[in-house]
Amino acid sequence: MLGADSGQVEALVNELLLQGCRDIVFDLSGLTHIDSTGIGRFIASYNRTMQTEGASMRMAAATGVVRSAFRVTKLDSVFPFYDTVEQAQQ
């Protein structure tokens, strides 16, 4: 999730919310790197989600440098993180 490709996150969240989805879980298990633009996209998506009544956004299966990036920026205290997608869905 680097640069312009990260724009897909915001577009996806907006589309899901418009379709009536209220529980959004991001499976980050396949993500090996994230930059500040990618993190910014998640912040914008989280803010959009929190503006929608009854909606929530959770992160699942983040490891390595991706998890560290959220920890270093202290965003792990903002975003709910779960070890697995299954745990995040409960």
C-alpha atoms as a PDB file:
ATOM      1  CA  MET A   1       0.000   0.000   0.000  1.00  0.00           C
ATOM      2  CA  LEU A   2       2.115   2.797  -1.306  1.00  0.00           C
ATOM      3  CA  GLY A   3       1.308   6.112  -2.970  1.00  0.00           C
ATOM      4  CA  ALA A   4      -1.557   6.406  -5.425  1.00  0.00           C
ATOM      5  CA  ASP A   5      -2.653   2.767  -5.052  1.00  0.00           C
ATOM      6  CA  SER A   6      -3.728   3.548  -1.515  1.00  0.00           C
ATOM      7  CA  GLY A   7      -6.604   5.660  -2.895  1.00  0.00           C
ATOM      8  CA  GLN A   8      -8.505   2.430  -3.379  1.00  0.00           C
ATOM      9  CA  VAL A   9      -8.993   2.212   0.384  1.00  0.00           C
ATOM     10  CA  GLU A  10     -11.074   5.390   0.593  1.00  0.00           C
ATOM     11  CA  ALA A  11     -13.050   4.528  -2.535  1.00  0.00           C
ATOM     12  CA  LEU A  12     -13.840   1.064  -1.177  1.00  0.00           C
ATOM     13  CA  VAL A  13     -14.951   2.369   2.217  1.00  0.00           C
ATOM     14  CA  ASN A  14     -17.170   5.008   0.622  1.00  0.00           C
ATOM     15  CA  GLU A  15     -18.759   2.415  -1.657  1.00  0.00           C
ATOM     16  CA  LEU A  16     -19.350  -0.038   1.197  1.00  0.00           C
ATOM     17  CA  LEU A  17     -20.968   2.637   3.351  1.00  0.00           C
ATOM     18  CA  LEU A  18     -23.201   3.725   0.446  1.00  0.00           C
ATOM     19  CA  GLN A  19     -24.263   0.085   0.035  1.00  0.00           C
ATOM     20  CA  GLY A  20     -25.302  -0.004   3.674  1.00  0.00           C
ATOM     21  CA  CYS A  21     -22.378  -1.969   5.104  1.00  0.00           C
ATOM     22  CA  ARG A  22     -21.685  -0.909   8.662  1.00  0.00           C
ATOM     23  CA  ASP A  23     -18.961  -3.332   9.805  1.00  0.00           C
ATOM     24  CA  ILE A  24     -15.779  -2.958   7.760  1.00  0.00           C
ATOM     25  CA  VAL A  25     -12.799  -5.239   8.411  1.00  0.00           C
ATOM     26  CA  PHE A  26      -9.508  -4.783   6.573  1.00  0.00           C
ATOM     27  CA  ASP A  27      -7.482  -7.972   6.189  1.00  0.00           C
ATOM     28  CA  LEU A  28      -3.913  -6.650   6.223  1.00  0.00           C
ATOM     29  CA  SER A  29      -2.257 -10.085   6.167  1.00  0.00           C
ATOM     30  CA  GLY A  30      -0.998  -9.647   2.588  1.00  0.00           C
ATOM     31  CA  LEU A  31       0.322  -6.139   3.157  1.00  0.00           C
ATOM     32  CA  THR A  32       4.106  -6.024   3.493  1.00  0.00           C
ATOM     33  CA  HIS A  33       4.712  -2.246   3.444  1.00  0.00           C
ATOM     34  CA  ILE A  34       2.780   0.940   4.140  1.00  0.00           C
ATOM     35  CA  ASP A  35       3.813   4.557   3.757  1.00  0.00           C
ATOM     36  CA  SER A  36       2.435   7.775   5.223  1.00  0.00           C
ATOM     37  CA  THR A  37       0.022   8.160   2.308  1.00  0.00           C
ATOM     38  CA  GLY A  38      -1.413   4.704   2.977  1.00  0.00           C
ATOM     39  CA  ILE A  39      -1.780   5.433   6.675  1.00  0.00           C
ATOM     40  CA  GLY A  40      -3.432   8.744   5.792  1.00  0.00           C
ATOM     41  CA  ARG A  41      -5.954   6.895   3.624  1.00  0.00           C
ATOM     42  CA  PHE A  42      -6.869   4.668   6.548  1.00  0.00           C
ATOM     43  CA  ILE A  43      -7.274   7.734   8.779  1.00  0.00           C
ATOM     44  CA  ALA A  44      -9.573   9.404   6.229  1.00  0.00           C
ATOM     45  CA  SER A  45     -11.550   6.170   5.846  1.00  0.00           C
ATOM     46  CA  TYR A  46     -11.848   5.798   9.600  1.00  0.00           C
ATOM     47  CA  ASN A  47     -13.112   9.376   9.927  1.00  0.00           C
ATOM     48  CA  ARG A  48     -15.676   8.744   7.163  1.00  0.00           C
ATOM     49  CA  THR A  49     -16.767   5.541   8.862  1.00  0.00           C
ATOM     50  CA  MET A  50     -17.174   7.234  12.238  1.00  0.00           C
ATOM     51  CA  GLN A  51     -19.440   9.851  10.607  1.00  0.00           C
ATOM     52  CA  THR A  52     -21.820   7.074   9.599  1.00  0.00           C
ATOM     53  CA  GLU A  53     -24.220   6.032  12.328  1.00  0.00           C
ATOM     54  CA  GLY A  54     -23.625   2.512  13.570  1.00  0.00           C
ATOM     55  CA  ALA A  55     -20.534   1.950  11.419  1.00  0.00           C
ATOM     56  CA  SER A  56     -17.193   0.545  12.556  1.00  0.00           C
ATOM     57  CA  MET A  57     -13.829  -0.140  10.948  1.00  0.00           C
ATOM     58  CA  ARG A  58     -11.389  -2.760  12.215  1.00  0.00           C
ATOM     59  CA  MET A  59      -7.936  -3.933  11.192  1.00  0.00           C
ATOM     60  CA  ALA A  60      -6.978  -7.607  11.111  1.00  0.00           C
ATOM     61  CA  ALA A  61      -3.792  -9.629  10.734  1.00  0.00           C
ATOM     62  CA  ALA A  62      -1.300  -6.742  10.453  1.00  0.00           C
ATOM     63  CA  THR A  63       2.251  -7.951  11.035  1.00  0.00           C
ATOM     64  CA  GLY A  64       5.839  -6.828  10.722  1.00  0.00           C
ATOM     65  CA  VAL A  65       6.578  -3.328   9.486  1.00  0.00           C
ATOM     66  CA  VAL A  66       2.906  -2.653   8.769  1.00  0.00           C
ATOM     67  CA  ARG A  67       1.927  -3.254  12.379  1.00  0.00           C
ATOM     68  CA  SER A  68       4.972  -1.312  13.541  1.00  0.00           C
ATOM     69  CA  ALA A  69       3.988   1.684  11.406  1.00  0.00           C
ATOM     70  CA  PHE A  70       0.645   1.894  13.189  1.00  0.00           C
ATOM     71  CA  ARG A  71       2.332   1.384  16.556  1.00  0.00           C
ATOM     72  CA  VAL A  72       5.008   4.074  15.990  1.00  0.00           C
ATOM     73  CA  THR A  73       2.364   6.605  14.924  1.00  0.00           C
ATOM     74  CA  LYS A  74       0.268   5.592  17.945  1.00  0.00           C
ATOM     75  CA  LEU A  75      -2.623   4.835  15.617  1.00  0.00           C
ATOM     76  CA  ASP A  76      -2.877   1.389  17.159  1.00  0.00           C
ATOM     77  CA  SER A  77      -4.722   3.188  19.965  1.00  0.00           C
ATOM     78  CA  VAL A  78      -7.214   4.631  17.443  1.00  0.00           C
ATOM     79  CA  PHE A  79      -7.834   1.688  15.139  1.00  0.00           C
ATOM     80  CA  PRO A  80      -9.013  -1.561  16.719  1.00  0.00           C
ATOM     81  CA  PHE A  81      -6.526  -4.291  15.738  1.00  0.00           C
ATOM     82  CA  TYR A  82      -7.179  -8.028  15.822  1.00  0.00           C
ATOM     83  CA  ASP A  83      -4.865 -10.976  15.217  1.00  0.00           C
ATOM     84  CA  THR A  84      -7.221 -12.584  12.698  1.00  0.00           C
ATOM     85  CA  VAL A  85     -10.098 -11.618  10.427  1.00  0.00           C
ATOM     86  CA  GLU A  86     -12.333 -14.033  12.322  1.00  0.00           C
ATOM     87  CA  GLN A  87     -11.659 -12.244  15.613  1.00  0.00           C
ATOM     88  CA  ALA A  88     -12.330  -8.861  13.990  1.00  0.00           C
ATOM     89  CA  GLN A  89     -15.678 -10.086  12.664  1.00  0.00           C
ATOM     90  CA  GLN A  90     -16.985 -11.036  16.114  1.00  0.00           C
END
